[in-house]
Structure formats: structure tokens, C-alpha cells
N, C-alpha and C. Protein backbone atom coordinates (compact mmCIF):
# COMPACT_ATOMS: atom_id res chain seq x y z
N UNK A 1 -3.23 4.08 2.69
CA UNK A 1 -2.29 4.07 3.77
C UNK A 1 -2.76 5.11 4.77
N UNK A 2 -2.79 4.73 6.03
CA UNK A 2 -3.19 5.66 7.06
C UNK A 2 -2.42 5.37 8.34
N UNK A 3 -2.39 6.35 9.19
CA UNK A 3 -1.72 6.20 10.47
C UNK A 3 -2.78 5.97 11.54
N UNK A 4 -2.63 4.87 12.28
CA UNK A 4 -3.55 4.51 13.36
C UNK A 4 -2.73 4.28 14.61
N UNK A 5 -2.99 5.07 15.63
CA UNK A 5 -2.26 4.94 16.90
C UNK A 5 -0.74 4.96 16.70
N UNK A 6 -0.28 5.83 15.82
CA UNK A 6 1.15 5.96 15.56
C UNK A 6 1.74 4.90 14.66
N UNK A 7 0.91 3.99 14.14
CA UNK A 7 1.39 2.92 13.25
C UNK A 7 0.85 3.17 11.86
N UNK A 8 1.68 2.94 10.84
CA UNK A 8 1.23 3.07 9.46
C UNK A 8 0.63 1.74 9.02
N UNK A 9 -0.56 1.81 8.44
CA UNK A 9 -1.25 0.60 8.00
C UNK A 9 -1.80 0.79 6.59
N UNK A 10 -2.05 -0.32 5.94
CA UNK A 10 -2.74 -0.35 4.65
C UNK A 10 -3.92 -1.28 4.85
N UNK A 11 -5.10 -0.79 4.51
CA UNK A 11 -6.32 -1.58 4.70
C UNK A 11 -7.10 -1.06 5.90
N UNK A 12 -8.22 -1.68 6.14
CA UNK A 12 -9.13 -1.24 7.20
C UNK A 12 -8.79 -1.93 8.51
N UNK A 13 -7.92 -1.32 9.28
CA UNK A 13 -7.48 -1.92 10.55
C UNK A 13 -8.55 -1.85 11.63
N UNK A 14 -9.59 -1.07 11.40
CA UNK A 14 -10.65 -0.94 12.41
C UNK A 14 -11.78 -1.93 12.23
N UNK A 15 -11.79 -2.63 11.11
CA UNK A 15 -12.85 -3.60 10.83
C UNK A 15 -12.64 -4.85 11.68
N UNK A 16 -13.63 -5.22 12.49
CA UNK A 16 -13.48 -6.45 13.29
C UNK A 16 -13.26 -7.67 12.41
N UNK A 17 -12.23 -8.42 12.73
CA UNK A 17 -11.93 -9.62 11.97
C UNK A 17 -11.39 -9.37 10.58
N UNK A 18 -10.95 -8.16 10.32
CA UNK A 18 -10.49 -7.80 8.98
C UNK A 18 -9.04 -8.18 8.73
N UNK A 19 -8.59 -7.84 7.54
CA UNK A 19 -7.20 -8.08 7.14
C UNK A 19 -6.58 -6.74 6.78
N UNK A 20 -5.39 -6.48 7.31
CA UNK A 20 -4.68 -5.26 6.97
C UNK A 20 -3.19 -5.51 7.13
N UNK A 21 -2.40 -4.56 6.64
CA UNK A 21 -0.94 -4.66 6.70
C UNK A 21 -0.41 -3.56 7.59
N UNK A 22 0.51 -3.90 8.45
CA UNK A 22 1.13 -2.93 9.35
C UNK A 22 2.60 -2.79 8.99
N UNK A 23 3.04 -1.54 8.85
CA UNK A 23 4.43 -1.25 8.54
C UNK A 23 5.16 -1.04 9.87
N UNK A 24 5.98 -2.01 10.27
CA UNK A 24 6.71 -1.95 11.54
C UNK A 24 8.20 -1.72 11.26
N UNK A 25 8.91 -1.37 12.30
CA UNK A 25 10.36 -1.17 12.17
C UNK A 25 11.04 -2.46 11.71
N UNK A 26 10.55 -3.60 12.17
CA UNK A 26 11.20 -4.88 11.84
C UNK A 26 10.68 -5.52 10.56
N UNK A 27 9.61 -4.96 9.97
CA UNK A 27 9.12 -5.51 8.72
C UNK A 27 7.63 -5.29 8.52
N UNK A 28 7.12 -5.94 7.51
CA UNK A 28 5.71 -5.85 7.15
C UNK A 28 4.96 -6.95 7.91
N UNK A 29 3.95 -6.54 8.66
CA UNK A 29 3.20 -7.50 9.46
C UNK A 29 1.77 -7.60 8.92
N UNK A 30 1.41 -8.76 8.33
CA UNK A 30 0.04 -8.93 7.84
C UNK A 30 -0.88 -9.39 8.97
N UNK A 31 -1.95 -8.67 9.16
CA UNK A 31 -2.99 -9.08 10.10
C UNK A 31 -4.07 -9.76 9.27
N UNK A 32 -4.42 -10.98 9.63
CA UNK A 32 -5.41 -11.72 8.85
C UNK A 32 -6.63 -12.04 9.72
N UNK A 33 -7.69 -12.41 9.06
CA UNK A 33 -8.95 -12.68 9.74
C UNK A 33 -8.82 -13.69 10.88
N UNK A 34 -8.39 -14.88 10.55
CA UNK A 34 -8.40 -15.94 11.55
C UNK A 34 -7.03 -16.53 11.82
N UNK A 35 -5.98 -15.79 11.53
CA UNK A 35 -4.66 -16.35 11.73
C UNK A 35 -3.71 -15.29 12.28
N UNK A 36 -2.68 -15.77 12.90
CA UNK A 36 -1.63 -14.89 13.40
C UNK A 36 -0.63 -14.69 12.28
N UNK A 37 -0.34 -13.45 11.98
CA UNK A 37 0.61 -13.16 10.91
C UNK A 37 2.04 -13.37 11.35
N UNK A 38 2.92 -13.37 10.39
CA UNK A 38 4.35 -13.48 10.65
C UNK A 38 5.02 -12.28 9.99
N UNK A 39 5.89 -11.62 10.71
CA UNK A 39 6.57 -10.45 10.18
C UNK A 39 7.45 -10.84 9.00
N UNK A 40 7.29 -10.11 7.91
CA UNK A 40 8.17 -10.27 6.75
C UNK A 40 9.24 -9.20 6.90
N UNK A 41 10.48 -9.57 7.24
CA UNK A 41 11.52 -8.56 7.41
C UNK A 41 11.72 -7.74 6.14
N UNK A 42 12.03 -6.47 6.32
CA UNK A 42 12.24 -5.59 5.16
C UNK A 42 13.35 -6.12 4.26
N UNK A 43 14.32 -6.80 4.83
CA UNK A 43 15.43 -7.33 4.03
C UNK A 43 14.96 -8.40 3.05
N UNK A 44 13.80 -9.03 3.30
CA UNK A 44 13.25 -10.04 2.37
C UNK A 44 12.49 -9.40 1.22
N UNK A 45 12.05 -8.17 1.38
CA UNK A 45 11.23 -7.53 0.34
C UNK A 45 12.16 -7.09 -0.79
N UNK A 46 12.08 -7.79 -1.89
CA UNK A 46 12.94 -7.50 -3.02
C UNK A 46 12.27 -6.53 -3.98
N UNK A 47 11.02 -6.81 -4.33
CA UNK A 47 10.26 -5.96 -5.25
C UNK A 47 8.82 -5.86 -4.79
N UNK A 48 8.25 -4.69 -4.97
CA UNK A 48 6.81 -4.53 -4.91
C UNK A 48 6.42 -4.22 -6.34
N UNK A 49 5.80 -5.19 -6.98
CA UNK A 49 5.53 -5.03 -8.40
C UNK A 49 4.31 -4.16 -8.67
N UNK A 50 3.30 -4.24 -7.80
CA UNK A 50 2.10 -3.41 -7.95
C UNK A 50 1.17 -3.70 -6.79
N UNK A 51 0.09 -2.96 -6.76
CA UNK A 51 -1.00 -3.36 -5.89
C UNK A 51 -2.29 -3.28 -6.68
N UNK A 52 -3.20 -4.16 -6.32
CA UNK A 52 -4.47 -4.23 -7.03
C UNK A 52 -5.61 -4.08 -6.04
N UNK A 53 -6.73 -3.62 -6.54
CA UNK A 53 -7.95 -3.51 -5.74
C UNK A 53 -9.05 -4.30 -6.42
N UNK A 54 -9.82 -5.00 -5.61
CA UNK A 54 -11.01 -5.67 -6.11
C UNK A 54 -10.80 -7.07 -6.64
N UNK A 55 -9.59 -7.44 -6.97
CA UNK A 55 -9.28 -8.78 -7.48
C UNK A 55 -7.78 -9.02 -7.38
N UNK A 56 -7.40 -10.28 -7.25
CA UNK A 56 -5.97 -10.58 -7.18
C UNK A 56 -5.27 -10.27 -8.49
N UNK A 57 -5.91 -10.65 -9.59
CA UNK A 57 -5.28 -10.50 -10.90
C UNK A 57 -6.24 -9.89 -11.91
N UNK A 58 -6.66 -8.64 -11.71
CA UNK A 58 -7.54 -8.02 -12.71
C UNK A 58 -6.75 -7.70 -13.97
N UNK A 59 -7.45 -7.37 -15.04
CA UNK A 59 -6.77 -7.03 -16.30
C UNK A 59 -5.92 -5.78 -16.13
N UNK A 60 -6.38 -4.84 -15.32
CA UNK A 60 -5.60 -3.64 -15.02
C UNK A 60 -5.24 -3.69 -13.55
N UNK A 61 -5.23 -2.54 -12.90
CA UNK A 61 -4.93 -2.50 -11.47
C UNK A 61 -6.19 -2.60 -10.61
N UNK A 62 -7.36 -2.47 -11.24
CA UNK A 62 -8.59 -2.41 -10.47
C UNK A 62 -9.63 -3.35 -11.07
N UNK A 63 -10.18 -4.21 -10.21
CA UNK A 63 -11.24 -5.11 -10.64
C UNK A 63 -12.61 -4.49 -10.42
N UNK A 64 -13.64 -5.24 -10.74
CA UNK A 64 -15.01 -4.77 -10.60
C UNK A 64 -15.33 -4.38 -9.17
N UNK A 65 -14.88 -5.18 -8.20
CA UNK A 65 -15.16 -4.85 -6.79
C UNK A 65 -14.49 -3.54 -6.38
N UNK A 66 -13.39 -3.19 -7.01
CA UNK A 66 -12.74 -1.92 -6.69
C UNK A 66 -13.63 -0.75 -7.12
N UNK A 67 -14.23 -0.88 -8.28
CA UNK A 67 -15.11 0.18 -8.76
C UNK A 67 -16.37 0.26 -7.91
N UNK A 68 -16.95 -0.88 -7.58
CA UNK A 68 -18.15 -0.89 -6.75
C UNK A 68 -17.85 -0.40 -5.34
N UNK A 69 -16.66 -0.68 -4.83
CA UNK A 69 -16.29 -0.28 -3.47
C UNK A 69 -16.21 1.21 -3.28
N UNK A 70 -16.17 1.97 -4.35
CA UNK A 70 -16.13 3.42 -4.25
C UNK A 70 -17.50 4.06 -4.31
N UNK A 71 -18.51 3.28 -4.64
CA UNK A 71 -19.86 3.82 -4.75
C UNK A 71 -20.50 3.97 -3.37
N UNK A 72 -21.40 4.95 -3.22
CA UNK A 72 -22.11 5.06 -1.96
C UNK A 72 -23.07 3.89 -1.79
N UNK A 73 -23.50 3.68 -0.57
CA UNK A 73 -24.47 2.62 -0.31
C UNK A 73 -23.81 1.35 0.19
N UNK A 74 -24.44 0.21 -0.04
CA UNK A 74 -23.98 -1.05 0.57
C UNK A 74 -22.64 -1.54 0.05
N UNK A 75 -22.19 -1.06 -1.11
CA UNK A 75 -20.91 -1.51 -1.67
C UNK A 75 -19.73 -0.74 -1.11
N UNK A 76 -19.96 0.40 -0.50
CA UNK A 76 -18.87 1.27 -0.06
C UNK A 76 -17.91 0.52 0.87
N UNK A 77 -16.63 0.56 0.53
CA UNK A 77 -15.60 -0.06 1.36
C UNK A 77 -15.55 -1.57 1.27
N UNK A 78 -16.27 -2.16 0.34
CA UNK A 78 -16.27 -3.62 0.19
C UNK A 78 -15.12 -4.04 -0.72
N UNK A 79 -14.73 -5.27 -0.55
CA UNK A 79 -13.71 -5.82 -1.42
C UNK A 79 -12.34 -5.82 -0.77
N UNK A 80 -11.40 -6.33 -1.49
CA UNK A 80 -10.04 -6.49 -1.00
C UNK A 80 -9.05 -5.78 -1.90
N UNK A 81 -7.88 -5.61 -1.35
CA UNK A 81 -6.74 -5.14 -2.10
C UNK A 81 -5.60 -6.12 -1.89
N UNK A 82 -4.63 -6.05 -2.76
CA UNK A 82 -3.49 -6.97 -2.68
C UNK A 82 -2.21 -6.24 -3.03
N UNK A 83 -1.21 -6.42 -2.22
CA UNK A 83 0.12 -5.93 -2.51
C UNK A 83 0.87 -7.10 -3.12
N UNK A 84 1.37 -6.94 -4.35
CA UNK A 84 2.07 -8.00 -5.06
C UNK A 84 3.57 -7.77 -4.87
N UNK A 85 4.23 -8.74 -4.26
CA UNK A 85 5.64 -8.58 -3.92
C UNK A 85 6.45 -9.81 -4.30
N UNK A 86 7.74 -9.59 -4.48
CA UNK A 86 8.69 -10.69 -4.62
C UNK A 86 9.58 -10.65 -3.39
N UNK A 87 9.65 -11.79 -2.72
CA UNK A 87 10.49 -11.90 -1.52
C UNK A 87 11.71 -12.74 -1.85
N UNK A 88 12.76 -12.54 -1.07
CA UNK A 88 13.99 -13.33 -1.25
C UNK A 88 14.25 -14.18 -0.01
N UNK A 89 15.08 -15.18 -0.19
CA UNK A 89 15.54 -16.09 0.88
C UNK A 89 14.40 -16.76 1.61
N UNK A 90 13.67 -17.65 1.06
CA UNK A 90 13.73 -18.11 -0.33
C UNK A 90 12.95 -17.17 -1.24
N UNK A 91 13.26 -17.24 -2.53
CA UNK A 91 12.56 -16.40 -3.51
C UNK A 91 11.13 -16.90 -3.69
N UNK A 92 10.19 -15.97 -3.62
CA UNK A 92 8.80 -16.33 -3.83
C UNK A 92 7.99 -15.09 -4.17
N UNK A 93 6.97 -15.30 -4.98
CA UNK A 93 6.00 -14.24 -5.22
C UNK A 93 4.99 -14.33 -4.10
N UNK A 94 4.62 -13.20 -3.54
CA UNK A 94 3.75 -13.19 -2.37
C UNK A 94 2.69 -12.12 -2.53
N UNK A 95 1.47 -12.48 -2.21
CA UNK A 95 0.35 -11.56 -2.20
C UNK A 95 0.03 -11.22 -0.75
N UNK A 96 -0.02 -9.95 -0.45
CA UNK A 96 -0.38 -9.50 0.88
C UNK A 96 -1.78 -8.90 0.80
N UNK A 97 -2.81 -9.63 1.27
CA UNK A 97 -4.18 -9.13 1.15
C UNK A 97 -4.53 -8.12 2.25
N UNK A 98 -5.44 -7.21 1.92
CA UNK A 98 -5.96 -6.29 2.91
C UNK A 98 -7.40 -5.93 2.54
N UNK A 99 -8.21 -5.65 3.56
CA UNK A 99 -9.59 -5.26 3.31
C UNK A 99 -9.65 -3.80 2.91
N UNK A 100 -10.56 -3.52 2.03
CA UNK A 100 -10.74 -2.17 1.51
C UNK A 100 -11.20 -1.23 2.63
N UNK A 101 -10.57 -0.10 2.71
CA UNK A 101 -10.93 0.93 3.69
C UNK A 101 -12.18 1.64 3.18
N UNK A 102 -13.11 2.03 4.08
CA UNK A 102 -14.33 2.69 3.60
C UNK A 102 -14.09 4.08 3.01
N UNK A 103 -12.95 4.69 3.30
CA UNK A 103 -12.62 6.00 2.73
C UNK A 103 -12.31 5.84 1.25
N UNK A 104 -12.83 6.72 0.41
CA UNK A 104 -12.57 6.66 -1.02
C UNK A 104 -11.28 7.41 -1.33
N UNK A 105 -10.35 6.75 -1.99
CA UNK A 105 -9.11 7.37 -2.43
C UNK A 105 -9.19 7.58 -3.93
N UNK A 106 -8.81 8.76 -4.39
CA UNK A 106 -8.87 8.97 -5.84
C UNK A 106 -7.69 8.28 -6.51
N UNK A 107 -7.74 8.21 -7.83
CA UNK A 107 -6.72 7.48 -8.58
C UNK A 107 -5.33 8.06 -8.40
N UNK A 108 -5.22 9.38 -8.21
CA UNK A 108 -3.91 9.98 -8.00
C UNK A 108 -3.31 9.51 -6.68
N UNK A 109 -4.13 9.45 -5.63
CA UNK A 109 -3.65 8.93 -4.34
C UNK A 109 -3.12 7.51 -4.48
N UNK A 110 -3.87 6.68 -5.18
CA UNK A 110 -3.47 5.28 -5.36
C UNK A 110 -2.20 5.17 -6.20
N UNK A 111 -2.10 5.99 -7.24
CA UNK A 111 -0.90 5.96 -8.09
C UNK A 111 0.32 6.45 -7.32
N UNK A 112 0.17 7.48 -6.49
CA UNK A 112 1.28 7.96 -5.65
C UNK A 112 1.73 6.88 -4.68
N UNK A 113 0.78 6.19 -4.07
CA UNK A 113 1.10 5.11 -3.13
C UNK A 113 1.88 4.00 -3.83
N UNK A 114 1.38 3.58 -4.99
CA UNK A 114 2.06 2.51 -5.72
C UNK A 114 3.46 2.95 -6.16
N UNK A 115 3.60 4.18 -6.61
CA UNK A 115 4.91 4.67 -7.05
C UNK A 115 5.88 4.75 -5.87
N UNK A 116 5.41 5.17 -4.72
CA UNK A 116 6.27 5.22 -3.54
C UNK A 116 6.74 3.82 -3.16
N UNK A 117 5.84 2.86 -3.17
CA UNK A 117 6.20 1.47 -2.86
C UNK A 117 7.21 0.92 -3.86
N UNK A 118 6.92 1.07 -5.14
CA UNK A 118 7.80 0.45 -6.14
C UNK A 118 9.15 1.15 -6.24
N UNK A 119 9.17 2.47 -6.24
CA UNK A 119 10.47 3.17 -6.33
C UNK A 119 11.35 2.86 -5.13
N UNK A 120 10.77 2.85 -3.95
CA UNK A 120 11.57 2.64 -2.74
C UNK A 120 12.11 1.22 -2.68
N UNK A 121 11.28 0.23 -3.00
CA UNK A 121 11.79 -1.15 -2.97
C UNK A 121 12.74 -1.42 -4.12
N UNK A 122 12.50 -0.85 -5.29
CA UNK A 122 13.41 -1.05 -6.42
C UNK A 122 14.78 -0.44 -6.15
N UNK A 123 14.82 0.58 -5.28
CA UNK A 123 16.09 1.19 -4.88
C UNK A 123 16.73 0.44 -3.71
N UNK A 124 16.18 -0.72 -3.36
CA UNK A 124 16.68 -1.55 -2.25
C UNK A 124 16.62 -0.81 -0.92
N UNK A 125 15.56 -0.03 -0.72
CA UNK A 125 15.40 0.77 0.50
C UNK A 125 14.07 0.47 1.20
N UNK A 126 13.60 -0.76 1.09
CA UNK A 126 12.31 -1.12 1.69
C UNK A 126 12.29 -0.87 3.19
N UNK A 127 13.45 -0.93 3.83
CA UNK A 127 13.51 -0.72 5.28
C UNK A 127 13.03 0.67 5.67
N UNK A 128 13.02 1.61 4.73
CA UNK A 128 12.53 2.96 5.03
C UNK A 128 11.06 2.95 5.44
N UNK A 129 10.30 1.97 4.96
CA UNK A 129 8.89 1.88 5.35
C UNK A 129 8.74 1.56 6.83
N UNK A 130 9.77 1.06 7.46
CA UNK A 130 9.75 0.79 8.89
C UNK A 130 10.15 1.99 9.73
N UNK A 131 10.60 3.05 9.08
CA UNK A 131 10.99 4.28 9.76
C UNK A 131 9.79 5.23 9.75
N UNK A 132 9.08 5.30 10.88
CA UNK A 132 7.84 6.09 10.95
C UNK A 132 8.08 7.56 10.62
N UNK A 133 9.22 8.12 11.03
CA UNK A 133 9.50 9.53 10.73
C UNK A 133 9.66 9.75 9.22
N UNK A 134 10.42 8.87 8.57
CA UNK A 134 10.61 8.99 7.12
C UNK A 134 9.27 8.87 6.40
N UNK A 135 8.47 7.88 6.81
CA UNK A 135 7.19 7.64 6.17
C UNK A 135 6.23 8.82 6.40
N UNK A 136 6.24 9.39 7.60
CA UNK A 136 5.44 10.58 7.88
C UNK A 136 5.80 11.72 6.92
N UNK A 137 7.11 11.97 6.79
CA UNK A 137 7.55 13.06 5.92
C UNK A 137 7.17 12.78 4.46
N UNK A 138 7.37 11.54 4.01
CA UNK A 138 7.06 11.20 2.62
C UNK A 138 5.56 11.37 2.34
N UNK A 139 4.73 10.89 3.24
CA UNK A 139 3.28 11.00 3.03
C UNK A 139 2.84 12.46 3.05
N UNK A 140 3.40 13.23 3.98
CA UNK A 140 3.04 14.66 4.05
C UNK A 140 3.46 15.39 2.78
N UNK A 141 4.66 15.12 2.28
CA UNK A 141 5.13 15.77 1.05
C UNK A 141 4.26 15.40 -0.14
N UNK A 142 3.93 14.14 -0.24
CA UNK A 142 3.10 13.71 -1.36
C UNK A 142 1.69 14.27 -1.25
N UNK A 143 1.17 14.39 -0.04
CA UNK A 143 -0.17 14.98 0.14
C UNK A 143 -0.18 16.43 -0.30
N UNK A 144 0.92 17.14 -0.08
CA UNK A 144 1.01 18.54 -0.50
C UNK A 144 1.11 18.67 -2.02
N UNK A 145 1.51 17.61 -2.70
CA UNK A 145 1.63 17.62 -4.16
C UNK A 145 0.26 17.65 -4.84
N UNK A 146 -0.78 17.29 -4.12
CA UNK A 146 -2.11 17.22 -4.70
C UNK A 146 -2.61 18.60 -5.06
N UNK A 147 -3.36 18.82 -6.07
CA UNK A 147 -3.71 17.86 -7.11
C UNK A 147 -2.80 17.93 -8.33
N UNK A 148 -1.62 18.56 -8.19
CA UNK A 148 -0.74 18.78 -9.34
C UNK A 148 -0.36 17.50 -10.08
N UNK A 149 0.18 16.47 -9.43
CA UNK A 149 0.59 15.32 -10.25
C UNK A 149 -0.64 14.57 -10.78
N UNK A 150 -0.76 14.53 -12.08
CA UNK A 150 -1.87 13.80 -12.70
C UNK A 150 -1.39 12.82 -13.74
N UNK A 151 -0.37 13.17 -14.49
CA UNK A 151 0.12 12.22 -15.49
C UNK A 151 1.05 11.22 -14.80
N UNK A 152 1.27 10.10 -15.45
CA UNK A 152 2.16 9.08 -14.90
C UNK A 152 3.56 9.66 -14.67
N UNK A 153 4.03 10.47 -15.60
CA UNK A 153 5.35 11.08 -15.47
C UNK A 153 5.40 12.02 -14.26
N UNK A 154 4.37 12.85 -14.08
CA UNK A 154 4.33 13.78 -12.94
C UNK A 154 4.28 13.03 -11.61
N UNK A 155 3.56 11.92 -11.59
CA UNK A 155 3.48 11.12 -10.36
C UNK A 155 4.84 10.53 -10.04
N UNK A 156 5.51 9.95 -11.02
CA UNK A 156 6.84 9.38 -10.80
C UNK A 156 7.82 10.45 -10.34
N UNK A 157 7.76 11.61 -10.98
CA UNK A 157 8.65 12.72 -10.62
C UNK A 157 8.39 13.22 -9.20
N UNK A 158 7.13 13.32 -8.81
CA UNK A 158 6.79 13.76 -7.45
C UNK A 158 7.34 12.79 -6.42
N UNK A 159 7.23 11.51 -6.68
CA UNK A 159 7.74 10.50 -5.73
C UNK A 159 9.26 10.53 -5.71
N UNK A 160 9.89 10.67 -6.86
CA UNK A 160 11.35 10.75 -6.92
C UNK A 160 11.86 11.92 -6.09
N UNK A 161 11.24 13.10 -6.27
CA UNK A 161 11.64 14.29 -5.49
C UNK A 161 11.40 14.08 -4.00
N UNK A 162 10.29 13.47 -3.66
CA UNK A 162 9.97 13.22 -2.25
C UNK A 162 11.00 12.30 -1.62
N UNK A 163 11.39 11.26 -2.33
CA UNK A 163 12.36 10.30 -1.80
C UNK A 163 13.74 10.92 -1.65
N UNK A 164 14.08 11.93 -2.47
CA UNK A 164 15.40 12.54 -2.42
C UNK A 164 15.52 13.61 -1.33
N UNK A 165 14.41 14.11 -0.85
CA UNK A 165 14.45 15.18 0.17
C UNK A 165 14.77 14.63 1.53
């Protein structure tokens, strides 16, 4: 997740013809290679179950391309990521694809991001992702937590505290 021109995005928004997700006040806007996206209103986002890198459905959270995408050289920043969500009205499972950003994020960063997404949507507060001020504060607080949260419990606790402040 990064801020580009005052907008929060997931994925490589600078890659020509790439795919990325934009967090807007009115909802999640997927930018795709050759198509015009449609805003998914925050009220439709029921659950964010997880996000994966390198494959839609790897055995864990990271596929082979995710591991290769972190290596220096020609593989750096290659591959895709997917936000796995359940939408309502109508109910559907939805994959939101994004291109891998060339910046390497460590596993703690990725776990904090996933925990923030899942805790916030599970609390029926997905609309907070459309509030740039709230998201700025949450990201700054979580960035200050580094490198302390390392266990799954510490990561969940750090996100819980961040969301309550």
C-alpha cells in the first residue's frame, strides 16, 4: 500500500498498462490493463478474507512468483497479487488483482496490511479505507510499530490498538 498523488493504492500504479487498486472515498476502484474499472462501494465489501501474492490460490499466502518477485534482477517486481473479498448485494466472492510493486515488502509489512484489511472489514468499517486521514494515521502508526510486531498475536494486537486510537 502506498500513497500516490494523495491517493492510497495497492499495486504498481506507475506501471504503464498495469493493474492496481485505488482506495477512494466512494469505494474500491480497480484499475485494469485494458478495461475501465467500476467502483465497488465500501458498503458492498463484506469480508476481506486474505490477500495473496504470486498466484490466485497458492497453498499458503505466497506463490512461487511472489518469492521470485522479491529477488534482485529480472524477476524483481514481477507477478501479481490478489485481494480476496466477499461482496454483498448480490453476494459474490471477488478477486481484485494488482501488479506487484517493485519495492520489496517484508513479511511483517504484508501481515500488518492483511490484518488491517481483515479486522476493519470484519468490524463492518470498510468505509474507513475511503477516509484518507484515517488511513494516513493507521499506516503511520503501524509503520512506527516496526520491527516490534513479529508474531501473529503481536501483529493482530498492533492492528487492534491502531484501529482503536
